[in-house]
């Protein structure tokens, strides 16, 4: 029976060694990689850095920034007017108490603390965004330096006409980013 199974030459056929020998796959180099210059590789690195920065920027704004803004607005709104807790004639939480009466619990202090914390979080978000903006500026300076280096070594015509990755010439990448 084993002879009959080995005739199929499939992976399920029994072998002398029960462990499969790992086969090494050789990945041939991409033809486009062979035709890429140093300028292609540097530009790709700079574009990937810009993509990374923009994704980080978006995450900071959409998660940290919106959370802090939402908390700040909610605290301010609750301090100003809590409709479910107010009688019809009261316009805000503080108007529930007569000028002589004292509230039984703190109302303003905790809301101000929440608002202060939210403002501090927004300051931290702004600081993170400023650091990212400095990184963008550095990448754009590097892109401009790459363009000038390519102009010196390959010539202005190459920078204006040679399509990189069958798309735009280096000059368009630089002009769009600046």
N, C-alpha and C. Protein backbone atom coordinates (compact mmCIF):
# COMPACT_ATOMS: atom_id res chain seq x y z
N UNK A 1 0.80 -1.19 0.00
CA UNK A 1 0.00 0.00 0.00
C UNK A 1 0.86 1.26 0.00
N UNK A 2 1.99 1.21 0.67
CA UNK A 2 2.84 2.39 0.69
C UNK A 2 3.42 2.68 -0.68
N UNK A 3 3.66 1.66 -1.49
CA UNK A 3 4.17 1.90 -2.84
C UNK A 3 3.13 2.62 -3.68
N UNK A 4 1.90 2.23 -3.47
CA UNK A 4 0.84 2.86 -4.23
C UNK A 4 0.72 4.35 -3.85
N UNK A 5 0.88 4.71 -2.56
CA UNK A 5 0.78 6.09 -2.12
C UNK A 5 1.97 6.92 -2.59
N UNK A 6 3.13 6.35 -2.64
CA UNK A 6 4.30 7.12 -3.06
C UNK A 6 4.26 7.44 -4.54
N UNK A 7 3.46 6.71 -5.28
CA UNK A 7 3.40 7.00 -6.71
C UNK A 7 2.71 8.33 -7.00
N UNK A 8 1.93 8.80 -6.06
CA UNK A 8 1.26 10.08 -6.27
C UNK A 8 2.21 11.27 -6.13
N UNK A 9 3.28 11.10 -5.40
CA UNK A 9 4.28 12.15 -5.17
C UNK A 9 3.62 13.42 -4.61
N UNK A 10 2.80 13.25 -3.65
CA UNK A 10 2.13 14.37 -2.99
C UNK A 10 2.72 14.54 -1.60
N UNK A 11 2.44 15.65 -0.97
CA UNK A 11 2.95 15.85 0.38
C UNK A 11 2.43 14.82 1.37
N UNK A 12 1.29 14.18 1.06
CA UNK A 12 0.77 13.19 1.99
C UNK A 12 1.45 11.85 1.84
N UNK A 13 2.29 11.69 0.85
CA UNK A 13 2.99 10.44 0.65
C UNK A 13 4.03 10.25 1.74
N UNK A 14 4.17 9.03 2.25
CA UNK A 14 5.15 8.81 3.32
C UNK A 14 6.58 8.99 2.80
N UNK A 15 7.42 9.51 3.66
CA UNK A 15 8.83 9.69 3.33
C UNK A 15 9.66 9.02 4.41
N UNK A 16 10.93 8.94 4.17
CA UNK A 16 11.81 8.34 5.17
C UNK A 16 11.95 9.25 6.38
N UNK A 17 11.79 10.56 6.18
CA UNK A 17 11.88 11.50 7.27
C UNK A 17 10.49 12.08 7.53
N UNK A 18 9.98 11.94 8.74
CA UNK A 18 8.63 12.44 9.00
C UNK A 18 8.53 13.96 9.05
N UNK A 19 9.65 14.65 9.18
CA UNK A 19 9.65 16.11 9.26
C UNK A 19 9.91 16.66 7.87
N UNK A 20 9.09 17.61 7.46
CA UNK A 20 9.29 18.23 6.16
C UNK A 20 10.54 19.10 6.19
N UNK A 21 11.30 18.98 5.17
CA UNK A 21 12.50 19.81 5.05
C UNK A 21 12.06 21.18 4.55
N UNK A 22 12.45 22.24 5.25
CA UNK A 22 12.04 23.57 4.79
C UNK A 22 12.70 23.90 3.46
N UNK A 23 11.89 24.44 2.59
CA UNK A 23 12.43 24.86 1.30
C UNK A 23 12.63 26.37 1.35
N UNK A 24 13.73 26.78 0.84
CA UNK A 24 14.03 28.21 0.83
C UNK A 24 13.54 28.79 -0.47
N UNK A 25 12.68 29.76 -0.32
CA UNK A 25 12.18 30.45 -1.49
C UNK A 25 13.11 31.61 -1.80
N UNK A 26 13.51 31.69 -3.01
CA UNK A 26 14.37 32.78 -3.44
C UNK A 26 13.49 33.80 -4.14
N UNK A 27 13.42 34.96 -3.56
CA UNK A 27 12.62 36.02 -4.16
C UNK A 27 13.52 36.80 -5.11
N UNK A 28 13.17 36.78 -6.37
CA UNK A 28 14.01 37.52 -7.31
C UNK A 28 13.86 39.02 -7.08
N UNK A 29 14.92 39.76 -7.29
CA UNK A 29 14.82 41.20 -7.10
C UNK A 29 13.85 41.80 -8.12
N UNK A 30 13.14 42.79 -7.70
CA UNK A 30 12.19 43.47 -8.57
C UNK A 30 12.93 44.18 -9.69
N UNK A 31 12.41 44.07 -10.90
CA UNK A 31 13.09 44.77 -12.01
C UNK A 31 13.12 46.28 -11.80
N UNK A 32 12.09 46.80 -11.15
CA UNK A 32 12.09 48.25 -10.93
C UNK A 32 13.16 48.64 -9.92
N UNK A 33 13.45 47.75 -8.97
CA UNK A 33 14.50 48.06 -7.99
C UNK A 33 15.86 48.15 -8.66
N UNK A 34 16.07 47.34 -9.68
CA UNK A 34 17.35 47.39 -10.36
C UNK A 34 17.53 48.69 -11.13
N UNK A 35 16.42 49.26 -11.61
CA UNK A 35 16.53 50.49 -12.38
C UNK A 35 16.41 51.74 -11.51
N UNK A 36 16.19 51.56 -10.21
CA UNK A 36 16.07 52.71 -9.32
C UNK A 36 17.45 53.29 -9.00
N UNK A 37 17.46 54.60 -8.93
CA UNK A 37 18.69 55.28 -8.55
C UNK A 37 18.65 55.58 -7.05
N UNK A 38 19.71 56.15 -6.58
CA UNK A 38 19.76 56.58 -5.19
C UNK A 38 18.68 57.62 -4.91
N UNK A 39 18.39 58.44 -5.91
CA UNK A 39 17.37 59.46 -5.73
C UNK A 39 15.98 58.84 -5.55
N UNK A 40 15.72 57.75 -6.27
CA UNK A 40 14.46 57.03 -6.09
C UNK A 40 14.33 56.55 -4.64
N UNK A 41 15.38 55.93 -4.16
CA UNK A 41 15.33 55.35 -2.81
C UNK A 41 15.21 56.44 -1.74
N UNK A 42 15.95 57.52 -1.91
CA UNK A 42 15.86 58.63 -0.94
C UNK A 42 14.48 59.26 -0.97
N UNK A 43 13.92 59.45 -2.17
CA UNK A 43 12.59 60.02 -2.29
C UNK A 43 11.54 59.11 -1.65
N UNK A 44 11.66 57.80 -1.88
CA UNK A 44 10.72 56.86 -1.28
C UNK A 44 10.79 56.95 0.25
N UNK A 45 11.98 57.03 0.79
CA UNK A 45 12.13 57.14 2.24
C UNK A 45 11.48 58.42 2.76
N UNK A 46 11.70 59.52 2.07
CA UNK A 46 11.11 60.79 2.49
C UNK A 46 9.58 60.76 2.40
N UNK A 47 9.06 60.16 1.33
CA UNK A 47 7.60 60.07 1.18
C UNK A 47 6.99 59.16 2.25
N UNK A 48 7.68 58.09 2.58
CA UNK A 48 7.18 57.21 3.64
C UNK A 48 7.20 57.93 4.99
N UNK A 49 8.21 58.74 5.21
CA UNK A 49 8.28 59.52 6.45
C UNK A 49 7.12 60.51 6.51
N UNK A 50 6.82 61.17 5.39
CA UNK A 50 5.68 62.09 5.36
C UNK A 50 4.36 61.35 5.62
N UNK A 51 4.24 60.16 5.06
CA UNK A 51 3.02 59.37 5.30
C UNK A 51 2.91 59.00 6.76
N UNK A 52 4.00 58.60 7.36
CA UNK A 52 4.00 58.24 8.78
C UNK A 52 3.62 59.43 9.65
N UNK A 53 4.19 60.58 9.34
CA UNK A 53 3.89 61.80 10.10
C UNK A 53 2.41 62.16 9.97
N UNK A 54 1.88 62.07 8.76
CA UNK A 54 0.47 62.45 8.57
C UNK A 54 -0.47 61.47 9.27
N UNK A 55 -0.12 60.20 9.31
CA UNK A 55 -0.94 59.23 10.04
C UNK A 55 -0.89 59.49 11.54
N UNK A 56 0.29 59.80 12.05
CA UNK A 56 0.43 60.13 13.47
C UNK A 56 -0.36 61.40 13.80
N UNK A 57 -0.26 62.39 12.93
CA UNK A 57 -1.00 63.65 13.11
C UNK A 57 -2.49 63.36 13.22
N UNK A 58 -2.98 62.55 12.29
CA UNK A 58 -4.40 62.23 12.27
C UNK A 58 -4.82 61.49 13.55
N UNK A 59 -4.01 60.55 14.00
CA UNK A 59 -4.32 59.82 15.23
C UNK A 59 -4.37 60.76 16.43
N UNK A 60 -3.42 61.66 16.51
CA UNK A 60 -3.38 62.60 17.65
C UNK A 60 -4.63 63.48 17.64
N UNK A 61 -4.97 64.02 16.49
CA UNK A 61 -6.13 64.91 16.41
C UNK A 61 -7.42 64.16 16.66
N UNK A 62 -7.57 63.00 16.01
CA UNK A 62 -8.85 62.29 16.10
C UNK A 62 -9.08 61.61 17.45
N UNK A 63 -8.03 61.20 18.11
CA UNK A 63 -8.22 60.50 19.38
C UNK A 63 -7.98 61.41 20.58
N UNK A 64 -6.76 61.89 20.72
CA UNK A 64 -6.43 62.71 21.89
C UNK A 64 -7.14 64.06 21.85
N UNK A 65 -7.08 64.72 20.70
CA UNK A 65 -7.65 66.05 20.58
C UNK A 65 -9.16 66.06 20.74
N UNK A 66 -9.84 65.18 20.03
CA UNK A 66 -11.30 65.16 20.12
C UNK A 66 -11.79 64.72 21.49
N UNK A 67 -11.06 63.81 22.13
CA UNK A 67 -11.45 63.37 23.48
C UNK A 67 -11.37 64.55 24.46
N UNK A 68 -10.28 65.31 24.37
CA UNK A 68 -10.11 66.46 25.28
C UNK A 68 -11.15 67.54 24.99
N UNK A 69 -11.43 67.80 23.72
CA UNK A 69 -12.42 68.82 23.37
C UNK A 69 -13.82 68.38 23.83
N UNK A 70 -14.14 67.11 23.60
CA UNK A 70 -15.46 66.61 24.01
C UNK A 70 -15.63 66.73 25.52
N UNK A 71 -14.61 66.36 26.28
CA UNK A 71 -14.68 66.46 27.74
C UNK A 71 -14.84 67.90 28.18
N UNK A 72 -14.10 68.80 27.56
CA UNK A 72 -14.20 70.23 27.90
C UNK A 72 -15.60 70.77 27.61
N UNK A 73 -16.11 70.47 26.44
CA UNK A 73 -17.43 70.97 26.07
C UNK A 73 -18.51 70.37 26.97
N UNK A 74 -18.40 69.07 27.26
CA UNK A 74 -19.39 68.43 28.13
C UNK A 74 -19.38 69.04 29.53
N UNK A 75 -18.20 69.29 30.08
CA UNK A 75 -18.12 69.88 31.42
C UNK A 75 -18.71 71.29 31.42
N UNK A 76 -18.39 72.05 30.40
CA UNK A 76 -18.93 73.41 30.31
C UNK A 76 -20.45 73.39 30.16
N UNK A 77 -20.95 72.48 29.35
CA UNK A 77 -22.39 72.37 29.14
C UNK A 77 -23.09 71.94 30.42
N UNK A 78 -22.52 70.98 31.13
CA UNK A 78 -23.13 70.53 32.39
C UNK A 78 -23.12 71.64 33.43
N UNK A 79 -22.09 72.43 33.44
CA UNK A 79 -22.03 73.54 34.39
C UNK A 79 -23.06 74.61 34.05
N UNK A 80 -23.20 74.86 32.77
CA UNK A 80 -24.10 75.91 32.35
C UNK A 80 -25.57 75.51 32.44
N UNK A 81 -25.87 74.29 32.02
CA UNK A 81 -27.28 73.90 31.99
C UNK A 81 -27.40 72.39 31.99
N UNK A 82 -28.09 71.87 32.99
CA UNK A 82 -28.37 70.44 33.05
C UNK A 82 -29.89 70.29 33.01
N UNK A 83 -30.49 70.16 31.83
CA UNK A 83 -31.94 70.18 31.69
C UNK A 83 -32.65 69.08 32.49
N UNK A 84 -32.12 67.90 32.58
CA UNK A 84 -32.82 66.83 33.28
C UNK A 84 -32.87 67.07 34.79
N UNK A 85 -31.99 67.88 35.33
CA UNK A 85 -31.96 68.11 36.77
C UNK A 85 -32.60 69.43 37.17
N UNK A 86 -33.01 70.23 36.21
CA UNK A 86 -33.50 71.57 36.51
C UNK A 86 -35.02 71.66 36.41
N UNK A 87 -35.63 72.44 37.27
CA UNK A 87 -37.05 72.73 37.08
C UNK A 87 -37.22 73.65 35.86
N UNK A 88 -38.40 73.80 35.39
CA UNK A 88 -38.65 74.58 34.17
C UNK A 88 -38.21 76.04 34.30
N UNK A 89 -38.33 76.63 35.44
CA UNK A 89 -38.01 78.05 35.58
C UNK A 89 -36.51 78.31 35.75
N UNK A 90 -35.72 77.28 36.05
CA UNK A 90 -34.28 77.48 36.27
C UNK A 90 -33.56 77.47 34.94
N UNK A 91 -32.64 78.41 34.75
CA UNK A 91 -31.90 78.49 33.49
C UNK A 91 -30.56 77.77 33.57
N UNK A 92 -30.00 77.62 34.77
CA UNK A 92 -28.76 76.87 34.91
C UNK A 92 -28.66 76.29 36.32
N UNK A 93 -27.65 75.49 36.54
CA UNK A 93 -27.51 74.79 37.81
C UNK A 93 -27.43 75.75 38.99
N UNK A 94 -26.75 76.85 38.83
CA UNK A 94 -26.56 77.78 39.93
C UNK A 94 -27.84 78.53 40.28
N UNK A 95 -28.77 78.67 39.35
CA UNK A 95 -29.99 79.41 39.64
C UNK A 95 -30.97 78.60 40.48
N UNK A 96 -30.68 77.34 40.76
CA UNK A 96 -31.54 76.52 41.61
C UNK A 96 -31.51 76.97 43.06
N UNK A 97 -30.47 77.64 43.45
CA UNK A 97 -30.29 78.02 44.84
C UNK A 97 -30.65 79.49 45.04
N UNK A 98 -31.27 79.73 46.16
CA UNK A 98 -31.57 81.12 46.48
C UNK A 98 -30.27 81.80 46.88
N UNK A 99 -30.25 83.12 46.83
CA UNK A 99 -29.02 83.83 47.20
C UNK A 99 -28.58 83.52 48.63
N UNK A 100 -29.52 83.17 49.52
CA UNK A 100 -29.18 82.87 50.90
C UNK A 100 -28.77 81.42 51.10
N UNK A 101 -29.25 80.54 50.24
CA UNK A 101 -29.02 79.11 50.43
C UNK A 101 -27.67 78.66 49.93
N UNK A 102 -27.20 77.59 50.49
CA UNK A 102 -25.93 77.00 50.09
C UNK A 102 -26.21 75.64 49.44
N UNK A 103 -25.49 75.33 48.39
CA UNK A 103 -25.68 74.00 47.79
C UNK A 103 -25.16 72.92 48.75
N UNK A 104 -25.73 71.75 48.64
CA UNK A 104 -25.32 70.64 49.52
C UNK A 104 -24.04 69.96 49.04
N UNK A 105 -23.71 70.13 47.80
CA UNK A 105 -22.45 69.55 47.29
C UNK A 105 -21.77 70.57 46.39
N UNK A 106 -20.52 70.33 46.14
CA UNK A 106 -19.78 71.24 45.26
C UNK A 106 -20.29 71.09 43.84
N UNK A 107 -20.48 72.20 43.17
CA UNK A 107 -20.98 72.16 41.80
C UNK A 107 -19.92 72.68 40.84
N UNK A 108 -19.38 73.83 41.12
CA UNK A 108 -18.49 74.50 40.19
C UNK A 108 -17.07 73.92 40.23
N UNK A 109 -16.58 73.65 41.43
CA UNK A 109 -15.19 73.21 41.59
C UNK A 109 -14.84 71.97 40.78
N UNK A 110 -15.60 70.87 40.88
CA UNK A 110 -15.26 69.68 40.10
C UNK A 110 -15.33 69.92 38.58
N UNK A 111 -16.29 70.71 38.15
CA UNK A 111 -16.40 71.00 36.71
C UNK A 111 -15.21 71.83 36.23
N UNK A 112 -14.78 72.78 37.05
CA UNK A 112 -13.60 73.58 36.70
C UNK A 112 -12.35 72.72 36.66
N UNK A 113 -12.25 71.77 37.57
CA UNK A 113 -11.10 70.86 37.58
C UNK A 113 -11.08 70.01 36.30
N UNK A 114 -12.24 69.52 35.89
CA UNK A 114 -12.33 68.74 34.64
C UNK A 114 -11.96 69.61 33.45
N UNK A 115 -12.44 70.85 33.45
CA UNK A 115 -12.12 71.75 32.34
C UNK A 115 -10.63 72.08 32.31
N UNK A 116 -10.03 72.30 33.47
CA UNK A 116 -8.59 72.57 33.53
C UNK A 116 -7.79 71.38 33.01
N UNK A 117 -8.21 70.18 33.39
CA UNK A 117 -7.52 68.97 32.92
C UNK A 117 -7.65 68.84 31.41
N UNK A 118 -8.83 69.14 30.88
CA UNK A 118 -9.04 69.06 29.42
C UNK A 118 -8.19 70.09 28.69
N UNK A 119 -8.08 71.28 29.26
CA UNK A 119 -7.25 72.32 28.63
C UNK A 119 -5.78 71.91 28.65
N UNK A 120 -5.34 71.28 29.73
CA UNK A 120 -3.96 70.78 29.79
C UNK A 120 -3.74 69.68 28.74
N UNK A 121 -4.73 68.82 28.54
CA UNK A 121 -4.62 67.79 27.51
C UNK A 121 -4.56 68.41 26.12
N UNK A 122 -5.34 69.45 25.90
CA UNK A 122 -5.29 70.14 24.60
C UNK A 122 -3.94 70.82 24.38
N UNK A 123 -3.35 71.36 25.46
CA UNK A 123 -2.00 71.94 25.34
C UNK A 123 -0.98 70.86 24.96
N UNK A 124 -1.14 69.67 25.55
CA UNK A 124 -0.23 68.56 25.22
C UNK A 124 -0.42 68.14 23.76
N UNK A 125 -1.66 68.12 23.28
CA UNK A 125 -1.92 67.79 21.88
C UNK A 125 -1.26 68.83 20.97
N UNK A 126 -1.40 70.10 21.32
CA UNK A 126 -0.79 71.16 20.51
C UNK A 126 0.74 71.02 20.49
N UNK A 127 1.33 70.64 21.62
CA UNK A 127 2.79 70.45 21.67
C UNK A 127 3.21 69.28 20.77
N UNK A 128 2.44 68.19 20.80
CA UNK A 128 2.75 67.04 19.93
C UNK A 128 2.64 67.44 18.46
N UNK A 129 1.63 68.21 18.13
CA UNK A 129 1.45 68.64 16.74
C UNK A 129 2.56 69.58 16.30
N UNK A 130 3.05 70.41 17.20
CA UNK A 130 4.18 71.28 16.86
C UNK A 130 5.44 70.46 16.58
N UNK A 131 5.66 69.41 17.38
CA UNK A 131 6.82 68.54 17.12
C UNK A 131 6.68 67.87 15.75
N UNK A 132 5.47 67.41 15.43
CA UNK A 132 5.26 66.80 14.12
C UNK A 132 5.45 67.81 13.00
N UNK A 133 5.03 69.04 13.22
CA UNK A 133 5.22 70.08 12.21
C UNK A 133 6.71 70.34 11.96
N UNK A 134 7.50 70.31 13.02
CA UNK A 134 8.96 70.46 12.85
C UNK A 134 9.52 69.29 12.05
N UNK A 135 9.00 68.07 12.29
CA UNK A 135 9.46 66.91 11.51
C UNK A 135 9.08 67.07 10.05
N UNK A 136 7.87 67.56 9.77
CA UNK A 136 7.45 67.79 8.38
C UNK A 136 8.39 68.80 7.73
N UNK A 137 8.71 69.85 8.44
CA UNK A 137 9.60 70.87 7.92
C UNK A 137 10.98 70.28 7.59
N UNK A 138 11.47 69.42 8.46
CA UNK A 138 12.77 68.78 8.23
C UNK A 138 12.72 67.88 6.99
N UNK A 139 11.64 67.13 6.84
CA UNK A 139 11.50 66.25 5.68
C UNK A 139 11.42 67.07 4.40
N UNK A 140 10.69 68.16 4.43
CA UNK A 140 10.58 69.01 3.24
C UNK A 140 11.92 69.66 2.90
N UNK A 141 12.68 70.04 3.92
CA UNK A 141 14.03 70.56 3.66
C UNK A 141 14.90 69.48 3.02
N UNK A 142 14.76 68.25 3.49
CA UNK A 142 15.52 67.14 2.90
C UNK A 142 15.09 66.88 1.47
N UNK A 143 13.80 67.01 1.20
CA UNK A 143 13.29 66.83 -0.16
C UNK A 143 13.84 67.91 -1.09
N UNK A 144 13.90 69.12 -0.60
CA UNK A 144 14.45 70.21 -1.40
C UNK A 144 15.94 69.98 -1.65
N UNK A 145 16.66 69.51 -0.63
CA UNK A 145 18.09 69.22 -0.79
C UNK A 145 18.30 68.08 -1.79
N UNK A 146 17.41 67.08 -1.75
CA UNK A 146 17.49 65.98 -2.70
C UNK A 146 17.30 66.48 -4.13
N UNK A 147 16.34 67.36 -4.30
CA UNK A 147 16.09 67.93 -5.63
C UNK A 147 17.32 68.67 -6.14
N UNK A 148 17.93 69.49 -5.29
CA UNK A 148 19.11 70.25 -5.72
C UNK A 148 20.29 69.32 -5.99
N UNK A 149 20.42 68.27 -5.19
CA UNK A 149 21.50 67.30 -5.42
C UNK A 149 21.28 66.58 -6.75
N UNK A 150 20.05 66.19 -7.03
CA UNK A 150 19.74 65.52 -8.30
C UNK A 150 19.99 66.46 -9.47
N UNK A 151 19.67 67.72 -9.31
CA UNK A 151 19.92 68.70 -10.37
C UNK A 151 21.41 68.82 -10.65
N UNK A 152 22.21 68.81 -9.58
CA UNK A 152 23.67 68.92 -9.74
C UNK A 152 24.24 67.68 -10.43
N UNK A 153 23.80 66.50 -10.02
CA UNK A 153 24.42 65.28 -10.55
C UNK A 153 23.79 64.78 -11.84
N UNK A 154 22.44 64.83 -11.93
CA UNK A 154 21.76 64.28 -13.10
C UNK A 154 21.37 65.36 -14.12
N UNK A 155 21.29 66.58 -13.66
CA UNK A 155 20.91 67.67 -14.55
C UNK A 155 19.46 68.08 -14.37
N UNK A 156 19.20 69.31 -14.79
CA UNK A 156 17.85 69.87 -14.63
C UNK A 156 16.84 69.13 -15.50
N UNK A 157 17.27 68.73 -16.67
CA UNK A 157 16.35 68.02 -17.58
C UNK A 157 15.87 66.72 -16.96
N UNK A 158 16.77 65.97 -16.32
CA UNK A 158 16.39 64.71 -15.67
C UNK A 158 15.36 64.97 -14.58
N UNK A 159 15.56 66.01 -13.80
CA UNK A 159 14.64 66.33 -12.70
C UNK A 159 13.27 66.75 -13.22
N UNK A 160 13.22 67.33 -14.41
CA UNK A 160 11.97 67.84 -14.95
C UNK A 160 11.24 66.83 -15.82
N UNK A 161 11.95 65.86 -16.39
CA UNK A 161 11.32 64.98 -17.38
C UNK A 161 11.32 63.51 -17.02
N UNK A 162 12.29 63.03 -16.29
CA UNK A 162 12.40 61.60 -16.00
C UNK A 162 11.33 61.20 -14.97
N UNK A 163 10.41 60.35 -15.41
CA UNK A 163 9.33 59.91 -14.51
C UNK A 163 9.88 58.91 -13.50
N UNK A 164 9.58 59.15 -12.27
CA UNK A 164 9.98 58.22 -11.21
C UNK A 164 8.82 57.25 -10.99
N UNK A 165 9.08 55.97 -11.05
CA UNK A 165 8.06 54.92 -10.87
C UNK A 165 6.88 55.12 -11.81
N UNK A 166 7.17 55.53 -13.01
CA UNK A 166 6.16 55.74 -14.06
C UNK A 166 5.08 56.71 -13.57
N UNK A 167 5.47 57.73 -12.88
CA UNK A 167 4.49 58.71 -12.40
C UNK A 167 4.98 60.12 -12.73
N UNK A 168 5.53 60.78 -11.77
CA UNK A 168 5.94 62.16 -11.92
C UNK A 168 7.46 62.27 -11.90
N UNK A 169 7.96 63.36 -12.48
CA UNK A 169 9.39 63.62 -12.33
C UNK A 169 9.66 64.15 -10.91
N UNK A 170 10.90 64.14 -10.54
CA UNK A 170 11.31 64.58 -9.21
C UNK A 170 10.86 66.00 -8.93
N UNK A 171 10.89 66.84 -9.94
CA UNK A 171 10.50 68.23 -9.77
C UNK A 171 9.04 68.34 -9.26
N UNK A 172 8.13 67.51 -9.79
CA UNK A 172 6.73 67.57 -9.36
C UNK A 172 6.59 67.13 -7.90
N UNK A 173 7.34 66.13 -7.49
CA UNK A 173 7.30 65.71 -6.08
C UNK A 173 7.74 66.86 -5.20
N UNK A 174 8.77 67.57 -5.62
CA UNK A 174 9.27 68.68 -4.84
C UNK A 174 8.35 69.88 -4.83
N UNK A 175 7.77 70.22 -6.00
CA UNK A 175 6.89 71.38 -6.10
C UNK A 175 5.61 71.15 -5.31
N UNK A 176 5.06 69.95 -5.34
CA UNK A 176 3.82 69.66 -4.62
C UNK A 176 4.05 69.75 -3.13
N UNK A 177 5.20 69.31 -2.67
CA UNK A 177 5.46 69.29 -1.23
C UNK A 177 5.81 70.66 -0.69
N UNK A 178 6.33 71.54 -1.51
CA UNK A 178 6.79 72.83 -0.99
C UNK A 178 5.64 73.76 -0.80
